[in-house]
Amino acid sequence: MKSQYVKLDLKLYRGYANGEELVVFGHVFKSWAPDKFRLDRKGIRHAVSVIHMFRIKPLENVTVKLKFKDLEVTTKTLADGYFRFTIPYTEKLESGWHPFQVICKYYDYGIVENSELLKPFISKVGVISDIDDTFLVSHSGNFLKKLYVLLLKNIDKRRVFEDVVPHYQALSKAGQESEKASNSFFYVSSSEWNLYEFIDSFARLHELPKAVIKLKKIKTGISDFLFTGRGSHDHKFEKIKDIIMFYPELKYVLLGDDSQKDPYLYERVVKVFPQSIKAIYIRQTKKQQKPATRKVLKNIESMGVSTCYFNQSEKAIGHSKEIGII
């Protein structure tokens, strides 16, 4: 095969491991990856950057190689450029974050990227949180307003809900005596992989706990962009199920909001994993609580799981103290 000029890019996400296997995943592109566009531009220039994040071209069936300690494994990308290594790994691994490397070669071009994977500390709880309207103000219930904020508010102008950060930081350190140790966090959202860098940068900017982030299938065009975050939320259930099954020894705290389907999703999780959920927090996004949400949470409580329906994180913090999580 003759060499030809191509643009090659690789994006890695944080992986995770237990005592038996590790999971690493990412995307390969024949365009710039979505994280290559600046998030601090203002006005229309920011809108152009966001749109470019969705004008990407994944590469199918391209070989990628994982290097982690003494391990080297290869696989190939799927149709949407996505790859995932699920590898048996029983070597001794200390708790905390560990670096790994992925290498991709395409024609005469090659690229190397580094990321980290998590081996959890012994924990009092694991925390699984939604993103939009749970800690990041997004107006998910209002399609036009959500698009306006996404397109015209850069990362410095986006807001975090009041008292979210101290609540999440307290959950991160609950039961941990060592300064280095923390409880494991997972951010699971219906936002697409295109927005990974925005979400991760926003979390770092506001000093939210470092987390494994799991998002929805990547989108590849302007028409797809207009429906960002919409459609079925079944993928969130599947990702939460994967996390709980991967770390079955943990008791989980689930955090979400009432703007979309989180209460129903979490009710389903409790029914499938009746001994794995410690507490559920649902943020109230309108002036009044939703009767349907109250009904769902009442049913969850009948299954022995504590719930909190709140409009200010101060109330959620008080509840976490009351039930002995923090």
Foldseek 3Di string as FASTA:
>chain_A
DDFDDFAKDWDWFAWAAEQWKTKTKTFIFSDYALLVFDQPDAFQSNLVSLQVLQQTGTDFFFKKWKFFPPDIDIDTAHPLRMDMDIGTDNPDDDFDKGKIKMKTDDRNDIDIDMDIYGHADPDQAAEEEEDDPQFWPQPVLDLVSNSCCNRGPGLVRTGTAPPPQVLQVCLQCFPPDDPRHTHAYEYEAAFEPSCVNSRQVSCVVSVGDDHRYHYDHRHNHDVVVSQGRDDDPVVSLVVVVVVCVSVVVHAYEYTEEDSDCVLVSVLVVCVVVVPRYAEYEYAYDDPDDDPVSVVSQVVSVVSVHYYYYYNHCVRVSVVCVVSRRD
